[in-house]
Amino acid sequence: MPEPGTVTPEDCYTDAREQAEAQRTQYADNLEAAALATEEDPLILALEQARAQKEEADRRIRLLFAYAREFQPVRRYPLRALAQASGYTVSGVTTAYGTPEITLVQRQLHRSPVPRKDAP
C-alpha cells in the first residue's frame, strides 16, 4: 500500500491506494480460486509463484549482464556499476552469466559480441 508522500503527483494518492487495494483483492481472489480448483494450499501456490517470478528476474538480470559486458562496443559497463544496480557483488556479476546467456543475446541482437581489448 503506498504511503502518504510516496505518490507523485500528490493528488493521485487516493487513486493509487484504491488501485493497490483492488490489486491486492484480485490477487487474493485469484489465489483462493486456484487453491480451490487444484485443492492445493494457497500459501504453497503463492510461494511457487514468487519463486517462478524470482527465477525469471534472475534470468533477465543474467541476460542484461551479458549484454552490458559483451555487446557494448562504445561503453563497457563497469562491474561496480552493474553490481550496485543489481544488488550483486562485483564477482557475482562476472560469474552470473556465461556462454548460454551470451549466445541467447547474440541470437536476439543478430550480431556477435564485441571483442575484448585484452583478448589474444
C-alpha atoms as a PDB file:
ATOM      1  CA  MET A   1       0.000   0.000   0.000  1.00  0.00           C
ATOM      2  CA  PRO A   2       1.500   3.386  -0.912  1.00  0.00           C
ATOM      3  CA  GLU A   3       2.369   5.672   1.984  1.00  0.00           C
ATOM      4  CA  PRO A   4       1.480   9.375   2.068  1.00  0.00           C
ATOM      5  CA  GLY A   5       4.141  11.387   0.247  1.00  0.00           C
ATOM      6  CA  THR A   6       5.243   8.488  -1.969  1.00  0.00           C
ATOM      7  CA  VAL A   7       2.854   9.175  -4.857  1.00  0.00           C
ATOM      8  CA  THR A   8       3.561  11.868  -7.419  1.00  0.00           C
ATOM      9  CA  PRO A   9       1.552  13.978  -8.021  1.00  0.00           C
ATOM     10  CA  GLU A  10       0.142  14.001  -4.505  1.00  0.00           C
ATOM     11  CA  ASP A  11      -3.450  14.405  -5.660  1.00  0.00           C
ATOM     12  CA  CYS A  12      -3.234  10.872  -7.145  1.00  0.00           C
ATOM     13  CA  TYR A  13      -2.577   9.318  -3.729  1.00  0.00           C
ATOM     14  CA  THR A  14      -6.198   8.253  -3.167  1.00  0.00           C
ATOM     15  CA  ASP A  15      -6.360   6.672  -6.625  1.00  0.00           C
ATOM     16  CA  ALA A  16      -3.069   4.853  -6.011  1.00  0.00           C
ATOM     17  CA  ARG A  17      -4.363   3.442  -2.698  1.00  0.00           C
ATOM     18  CA  GLU A  18      -7.605   2.298  -4.329  1.00  0.00           C
ATOM     19  CA  GLN A  19      -5.699   0.671  -7.189  1.00  0.00           C
ATOM     20  CA  ALA A  20      -3.330  -1.097  -4.777  1.00  0.00           C
ATOM     21  CA  GLU A  21      -6.263  -2.355  -2.721  1.00  0.00           C
ATOM     22  CA  ALA A  22      -8.046  -3.610  -5.858  1.00  0.00           C
ATOM     23  CA  GLN A  23      -4.872  -5.412  -6.999  1.00  0.00           C
ATOM     24  CA  ARG A  24      -4.437  -6.959  -3.552  1.00  0.00           C
ATOM     25  CA  THR A  25      -8.054  -8.158  -3.517  1.00  0.00           C
ATOM     26  CA  GLN A  26      -7.787  -9.557  -7.041  1.00  0.00           C
ATOM     27  CA  TYR A  27      -4.544 -11.363  -6.171  1.00  0.00           C
ATOM     28  CA  ALA A  28      -6.140 -12.912  -3.075  1.00  0.00           C
ATOM     29  CA  ASP A  29      -9.238 -13.921  -5.033  1.00  0.00           C
ATOM     30  CA  ASN A  30      -7.153 -15.478  -7.811  1.00  0.00           C
ATOM     31  CA  LEU A  31      -5.013 -17.340  -5.296  1.00  0.00           C
ATOM     32  CA  GLU A  32      -8.083 -18.665  -3.498  1.00  0.00           C
ATOM     33  CA  ALA A  33      -9.711 -19.719  -6.777  1.00  0.00           C
ATOM     34  CA  ALA A  34      -6.566 -21.535  -7.838  1.00  0.00           C
ATOM     35  CA  ALA A  35      -6.371 -23.268  -4.473  1.00  0.00           C
ATOM     36  CA  LEU A  36      -9.987 -24.396  -4.694  1.00  0.00           C
ATOM     37  CA  ALA A  37      -9.574 -25.586  -8.279  1.00  0.00           C
ATOM     38  CA  THR A  38      -6.468 -27.613  -7.522  1.00  0.00           C
ATOM     39  CA  GLU A  39      -7.015 -28.411  -3.844  1.00  0.00           C
ATOM     40  CA  GLU A  40      -3.552 -27.027  -3.114  1.00  0.00           C
ATOM     41  CA  ASP A  41      -2.512 -24.854  -0.219  1.00  0.00           C
ATOM     42  CA  PRO A  42      -2.740 -21.140  -1.151  1.00  0.00           C
ATOM     43  CA  LEU A  43       0.490 -20.361   0.680  1.00  0.00           C
ATOM     44  CA  ILE A  44       2.370 -23.031  -1.250  1.00  0.00           C
ATOM     45  CA  LEU A  45       0.904 -21.707  -4.503  1.00  0.00           C
ATOM     46  CA  ALA A  46       1.980 -18.173  -3.592  1.00  0.00           C
ATOM     47  CA  LEU A  47       5.494 -19.342  -2.764  1.00  0.00           C
ATOM     48  CA  GLU A  48       5.763 -21.277  -6.026  1.00  0.00           C
ATOM     49  CA  GLN A  49       4.588 -18.244  -7.962  1.00  0.00           C
ATOM     50  CA  ALA A  50       7.047 -15.955  -6.154  1.00  0.00           C
ATOM     51  CA  ARG A  51       9.883 -18.407  -6.840  1.00  0.00           C
ATOM     52  CA  ALA A  52       8.997 -18.514 -10.561  1.00  0.00           C
ATOM     53  CA  GLN A  53       8.960 -14.712 -10.686  1.00  0.00           C
ATOM     54  CA  LYS A  54      12.319 -14.582  -8.909  1.00  0.00           C
ATOM     55  CA  GLU A  55      13.832 -17.111 -11.325  1.00  0.00           C
ATOM     56  CA  GLU A  56      12.572 -15.079 -14.298  1.00  0.00           C
ATOM     57  CA  ALA A  57      14.012 -11.881 -12.809  1.00  0.00           C
ATOM     58  CA  ASP A  58      17.363 -13.631 -12.254  1.00  0.00           C
ATOM     59  CA  ARG A  59      17.330 -14.852 -15.864  1.00  0.00           C
ATOM     60  CA  ARG A  60      16.676 -11.308 -17.144  1.00  0.00           C
ATOM     61  CA  ILE A  61      19.482  -9.949 -14.963  1.00  0.00           C
ATOM     62  CA  ARG A  62      21.923 -12.518 -16.381  1.00  0.00           C
ATOM     63  CA  LEU A  63      20.939 -11.548 -19.941  1.00  0.00           C
ATOM     64  CA  LEU A  64      21.368  -7.865 -19.111  1.00  0.00           C
ATOM     65  CA  PHE A  65      24.818  -8.597 -17.679  1.00  0.00           C
ATOM     66  CA  ALA A  66      25.790 -10.444 -20.855  1.00  0.00           C
ATOM     67  CA  TYR A  67      24.540  -7.570 -22.993  1.00  0.00           C
ATOM     68  CA  ALA A  68      26.268  -4.908 -20.881  1.00  0.00           C
ATOM     69  CA  ARG A  69      29.601  -6.696 -20.698  1.00  0.00           C
ATOM     70  CA  GLU A  70      29.819  -8.414 -24.074  1.00  0.00           C
ATOM     71  CA  PHE A  71      27.815  -6.396 -26.624  1.00  0.00           C
ATOM     72  CA  GLN A  72      28.543  -2.760 -25.827  1.00  0.00           C
ATOM     73  CA  PRO A  73      31.291  -1.509 -28.167  1.00  0.00           C
ATOM     74  CA  VAL A  74      31.276   2.131 -27.109  1.00  0.00           C
ATOM     75  CA  ARG A  75      30.682   1.765 -23.404  1.00  0.00           C
ATOM     76  CA  ARG A  76      31.652  -1.288 -21.464  1.00  0.00           C
ATOM     77  CA  TYR A  77      29.697  -1.008 -18.275  1.00  0.00           C
ATOM     78  CA  PRO A  78      31.907  -1.075 -15.180  1.00  0.00           C
ATOM     79  CA  LEU A  79      31.438  -4.121 -12.998  1.00  0.00           C
ATOM     80  CA  ARG A  80      30.972  -1.890  -9.977  1.00  0.00           C
ATOM     81  CA  ALA A  81      28.050  -0.015 -11.564  1.00  0.00           C
ATOM     82  CA  LEU A  82      26.373  -3.259 -12.640  1.00  0.00           C
ATOM     83  CA  ALA A  83      26.866  -4.767  -9.185  1.00  0.00           C
ATOM     84  CA  GLN A  84      25.410  -1.741  -7.446  1.00  0.00           C
ATOM     85  CA  ALA A  85      22.390  -1.543  -9.773  1.00  0.00           C
ATOM     86  CA  SER A  86      21.599  -5.261  -9.500  1.00  0.00           C
ATOM     87  CA  GLY A  87      22.397  -5.976  -5.862  1.00  0.00           C
ATOM     88  CA  TYR A  88      25.108  -8.439  -6.895  1.00  0.00           C
ATOM     89  CA  THR A  89      28.743  -8.316  -5.858  1.00  0.00           C
ATOM     90  CA  VAL A  90      31.364  -7.456  -8.472  1.00  0.00           C
ATOM     91  CA  SER A  91      32.483 -11.073  -8.578  1.00  0.00           C
ATOM     92  CA  GLY A  92      28.836 -12.137  -8.722  1.00  0.00           C
ATOM     93  CA  VAL A  93      28.357 -10.088 -11.903  1.00  0.00           C
ATOM     94  CA  THR A  94      31.300 -11.776 -13.602  1.00  0.00           C
ATOM     95  CA  THR A  95      30.109 -15.278 -12.712  1.00  0.00           C
ATOM     96  CA  ALA A  96      26.342 -14.738 -13.150  1.00  0.00           C
ATOM     97  CA  TYR A  97      26.333 -15.119 -16.910  1.00  0.00           C
ATOM     98  CA  GLY A  98      28.165 -17.344 -19.325  1.00  0.00           C
ATOM     99  CA  THR A  99      28.074 -18.842 -22.793  1.00  0.00           C
ATOM    100  CA  PRO A 100      24.342 -19.703 -22.745  1.00  0.00           C
ATOM    101  CA  GLU A 101      23.371 -16.113 -21.947  1.00  0.00           C
ATOM    102  CA  ILE A 102      25.855 -14.661 -24.444  1.00  0.00           C
ATOM    103  CA  THR A 103      24.542 -16.983 -27.150  1.00  0.00           C
ATOM    104  CA  LEU A 104      20.930 -16.034 -26.439  1.00  0.00           C
ATOM    105  CA  VAL A 105      21.701 -12.297 -26.529  1.00  0.00           C
ATOM    106  CA  GLN A 106      23.686 -12.838 -29.741  1.00  0.00           C
ATOM    107  CA  ARG A 107      20.665 -14.528 -31.364  1.00  0.00           C
ATOM    108  CA  GLN A 108      18.338 -11.778 -30.179  1.00  0.00           C
ATOM    109  CA  LEU A 109      20.611  -8.986 -31.447  1.00  0.00           C
ATOM    110  CA  HIS A 110      21.689 -10.765 -34.638  1.00  0.00           C
ATOM    111  CA  ARG A 111      25.299  -9.763 -34.018  1.00  0.00           C
ATOM    112  CA  SER A 112      28.415 -11.092 -32.379  1.00  0.00           C
ATOM    113  CA  PRO A 113      29.873  -9.949 -29.079  1.00  0.00           C
ATOM    114  CA  VAL A 114      32.391  -7.124 -29.225  1.00  0.00           C
ATOM    115  CA  PRO A 115      35.958  -8.482 -28.998  1.00  0.00           C
ATOM    116  CA  ARG A 116      37.668  -7.575 -25.753  1.00  0.00           C
ATOM    117  CA  LYS A 117      40.781  -5.435 -25.933  1.00  0.00           C
ATOM    118  CA  ASP A 118      42.620  -7.854 -23.643  1.00  0.00           C
ATOM    119  CA  ALA A 119      41.682 -10.905 -25.745  1.00  0.00           C
ATOM    120  CA  PRO A 120      44.587 -12.616 -27.582  1.00  0.00           C
END
